[in-house]
Amino acid sequence: MSTPTTTEQADILKLPGAQMLTPTEAAKYLGISPAQVRTLCAYGRLPFVNVGVGSCRKRRRIPVGELRKFMRAQVVEIDAQETRAIMAGPYTHRPTIPQYH
């Protein structure tokens, strides 16, 4: 098996979802730690490809397409009433300012 040329590598990356990210790269994209990415992979929440040899030392790569699916699944939509409740917070009482005449 020969080493792919730069042109072949570029062609592979043009395939939808073919680009792979390391847990560190995926973590930067998600704004979390690499350890959290590995945990998501371990619990099956974030699909990955094991490109390592053997089961002792896994080399996880996360397909970009799977990362995008994961992100879309995490979107939480709230309505205007919930937004007002969140913005009001636990302290809805506003103290009155004394008026001096």
C-alpha atoms as a PDB file:
ATOM      1  CA  MET A   1       0.000   0.000   0.000  1.00  0.00           C
ATOM      2  CA  SER A   2       1.530   3.293  -1.076  1.00  0.00           C
ATOM      3  CA  THR A   3       1.390   6.627   0.707  1.00  0.00           C
ATOM      4  CA  PRO A   4      -1.320   8.874  -0.757  1.00  0.00           C
ATOM      5  CA  THR A   5      -0.154  11.917  -2.674  1.00  0.00           C
ATOM      6  CA  THR A   6      -1.162  15.430  -1.688  1.00  0.00           C
ATOM      7  CA  THR A   7      -3.722  15.463  -4.506  1.00  0.00           C
ATOM      8  CA  GLU A   8      -5.258  12.195  -3.293  1.00  0.00           C
ATOM      9  CA  GLN A   9      -5.430  13.534   0.258  1.00  0.00           C
ATOM     10  CA  ALA A  10      -7.131  16.715  -0.960  1.00  0.00           C
ATOM     11  CA  ASP A  11      -9.665  14.621  -2.919  1.00  0.00           C
ATOM     12  CA  ILE A  12     -10.447  12.553   0.168  1.00  0.00           C
ATOM     13  CA  LEU A  13     -11.092  15.696   2.233  1.00  0.00           C
ATOM     14  CA  LYS A  14     -13.620  16.904  -0.353  1.00  0.00           C
ATOM     15  CA  LEU A  15     -15.883  13.949   0.454  1.00  0.00           C
ATOM     16  CA  PRO A  16     -18.819  14.946   2.682  1.00  0.00           C
ATOM     17  CA  GLY A  17     -18.045  14.139   6.302  1.00  0.00           C
ATOM     18  CA  ALA A  18     -14.633  12.675   5.447  1.00  0.00           C
ATOM     19  CA  GLN A  19     -12.603  15.202   7.409  1.00  0.00           C
ATOM     20  CA  MET A  20     -11.606  13.886  10.826  1.00  0.00           C
ATOM     21  CA  LEU A  21     -10.715  15.836  13.941  1.00  0.00           C
ATOM     22  CA  THR A  22      -8.675  14.798  16.956  1.00  0.00           C
ATOM     23  CA  PRO A  23     -10.389  15.079  20.352  1.00  0.00           C
ATOM     24  CA  THR A  24      -8.339  18.243  20.990  1.00  0.00           C
ATOM     25  CA  GLU A  25      -9.487  19.848  17.722  1.00  0.00           C
ATOM     26  CA  ALA A  26     -13.106  18.837  18.383  1.00  0.00           C
ATOM     27  CA  ALA A  27     -12.832  20.262  21.904  1.00  0.00           C
ATOM     28  CA  LYS A  28     -11.727  23.635  20.541  1.00  0.00           C
ATOM     29  CA  TYR A  29     -14.678  23.602  18.140  1.00  0.00           C
ATOM     30  CA  LEU A  30     -17.136  22.748  20.930  1.00  0.00           C
ATOM     31  CA  GLY A  31     -15.539  25.002  23.554  1.00  0.00           C
ATOM     32  CA  ILE A  32     -14.956  22.163  26.018  1.00  0.00           C
ATOM     33  CA  SER A  33     -11.925  20.182  27.205  1.00  0.00           C
ATOM     34  CA  PRO A  34     -10.437  17.224  25.293  1.00  0.00           C
ATOM     35  CA  ALA A  35     -11.258  15.033  28.312  1.00  0.00           C
ATOM     36  CA  GLN A  36     -14.932  15.964  27.962  1.00  0.00           C
ATOM     37  CA  VAL A  37     -14.819  15.020  24.262  1.00  0.00           C
ATOM     38  CA  ARG A  38     -13.309  11.641  25.147  1.00  0.00           C
ATOM     39  CA  THR A  39     -16.053  11.142  27.755  1.00  0.00           C
ATOM     40  CA  LEU A  40     -18.749  11.950  25.182  1.00  0.00           C
ATOM     41  CA  CYS A  41     -17.141   9.375  22.870  1.00  0.00           C
ATOM     42  CA  ALA A  42     -16.878   6.763  25.633  1.00  0.00           C
ATOM     43  CA  TYR A  43     -20.587   7.117  26.492  1.00  0.00           C
ATOM     44  CA  GLY A  44     -21.590   6.914  22.828  1.00  0.00           C
ATOM     45  CA  ARG A  45     -22.919  10.464  22.665  1.00  0.00           C
ATOM     46  CA  LEU A  46     -20.328  11.535  20.066  1.00  0.00           C
ATOM     47  CA  PRO A  47     -19.512   8.967  17.355  1.00  0.00           C
ATOM     48  CA  PHE A  48     -15.842   8.451  16.532  1.00  0.00           C
ATOM     49  CA  VAL A  49     -13.560   6.289  14.436  1.00  0.00           C
ATOM     50  CA  ASN A  50     -10.813   4.276  16.104  1.00  0.00           C
ATOM     51  CA  VAL A  51      -7.754   4.634  13.859  1.00  0.00           C
ATOM     52  CA  GLY A  52      -5.366   3.139  16.398  1.00  0.00           C
ATOM     53  CA  VAL A  53      -3.923  -0.332  16.508  1.00  0.00           C
ATOM     54  CA  GLY A  54      -5.356  -2.619  19.152  1.00  0.00           C
ATOM     55  CA  SER A  55      -7.743  -1.806  21.947  1.00  0.00           C
ATOM     56  CA  CYS A  56      -5.203  -0.627  24.516  1.00  0.00           C
ATOM     57  CA  ARG A  57      -4.286   2.646  22.837  1.00  0.00           C
ATOM     58  CA  LYS A  58      -7.237   4.096  20.977  1.00  0.00           C
ATOM     59  CA  ARG A  59      -6.635   6.861  18.468  1.00  0.00           C
ATOM     60  CA  ARG A  60     -10.002   8.514  18.199  1.00  0.00           C
ATOM     61  CA  ARG A  61     -10.955  10.702  15.267  1.00  0.00           C
ATOM     62  CA  ILE A  62     -14.276  12.465  15.121  1.00  0.00           C
ATOM     63  CA  PRO A  63     -15.805  12.949  11.667  1.00  0.00           C
ATOM     64  CA  VAL A  64     -16.752  16.597  11.102  1.00  0.00           C
ATOM     65  CA  GLY A  65     -20.214  15.547   9.916  1.00  0.00           C
ATOM     66  CA  GLU A  66     -20.843  13.697  13.187  1.00  0.00           C
ATOM     67  CA  LEU A  67     -19.639  16.708  15.165  1.00  0.00           C
ATOM     68  CA  ARG A  68     -22.108  18.923  13.290  1.00  0.00           C
ATOM     69  CA  LYS A  69     -24.949  16.458  13.974  1.00  0.00           C
ATOM     70  CA  PHE A  70     -23.994  16.421  17.657  1.00  0.00           C
ATOM     71  CA  MET A  71     -24.050  20.215  17.818  1.00  0.00           C
ATOM     72  CA  ARG A  72     -27.465  20.433  16.103  1.00  0.00           C
ATOM     73  CA  ALA A  73     -28.853  17.890  18.579  1.00  0.00           C
ATOM     74  CA  GLN A  74     -27.655  20.006  21.517  1.00  0.00           C
ATOM     75  CA  VAL A  75     -29.537  23.179  20.508  1.00  0.00           C
ATOM     76  CA  VAL A  76     -32.067  24.155  23.144  1.00  0.00           C
ATOM     77  CA  GLU A  77     -34.914  26.423  22.141  1.00  0.00           C
ATOM     78  CA  ILE A  78     -36.851  28.337  24.744  1.00  0.00           C
ATOM     79  CA  ASP A  79     -39.869  30.546  24.273  1.00  0.00           C
ATOM     80  CA  ALA A  80     -40.211  34.228  25.196  1.00  0.00           C
ATOM     81  CA  GLN A  81     -41.912  33.497  28.537  1.00  0.00           C
ATOM     82  CA  GLU A  82     -39.033  31.247  29.641  1.00  0.00           C
ATOM     83  CA  THR A  83     -36.550  33.901  28.536  1.00  0.00           C
ATOM     84  CA  ARG A  84     -38.274  36.543  30.691  1.00  0.00           C
ATOM     85  CA  ALA A  85     -38.261  34.184  33.678  1.00  0.00           C
ATOM     86  CA  ILE A  86     -34.560  33.472  33.221  1.00  0.00           C
ATOM     87  CA  MET A  87     -33.700  37.143  32.801  1.00  0.00           C
ATOM     88  CA  ALA A  88     -35.752  38.100  35.862  1.00  0.00           C
ATOM     89  CA  GLY A  89     -33.762  35.706  38.001  1.00  0.00           C
ATOM     90  CA  PRO A  90     -34.584  34.765  41.561  1.00  0.00           C
ATOM     91  CA  TYR A  91     -34.620  38.402  42.733  1.00  0.00           C
ATOM     92  CA  THR A  92     -37.665  39.951  41.097  1.00  0.00           C
ATOM     93  CA  HIS A  93     -38.305  42.387  43.952  1.00  0.00           C
ATOM     94  CA  ARG A  94     -36.831  45.793  43.289  1.00  0.00           C
ATOM     95  CA  PRO A  95     -36.283  48.007  46.327  1.00  0.00           C
ATOM     96  CA  THR A  96     -38.076  51.340  46.318  1.00  0.00           C
ATOM     97  CA  ILE A  97     -35.972  54.464  46.437  1.00  0.00           C
ATOM     98  CA  PRO A  98     -37.115  56.908  49.129  1.00  0.00           C
ATOM     99  CA  GLN A  99     -38.362  60.224  47.818  1.00  0.00           C
ATOM    100  CA  TYR A 100     -37.085  63.301  49.714  1.00  0.00           C
ATOM    101  CA  HIS A 101     -39.228  66.450  49.514  1.00  0.00           C
END
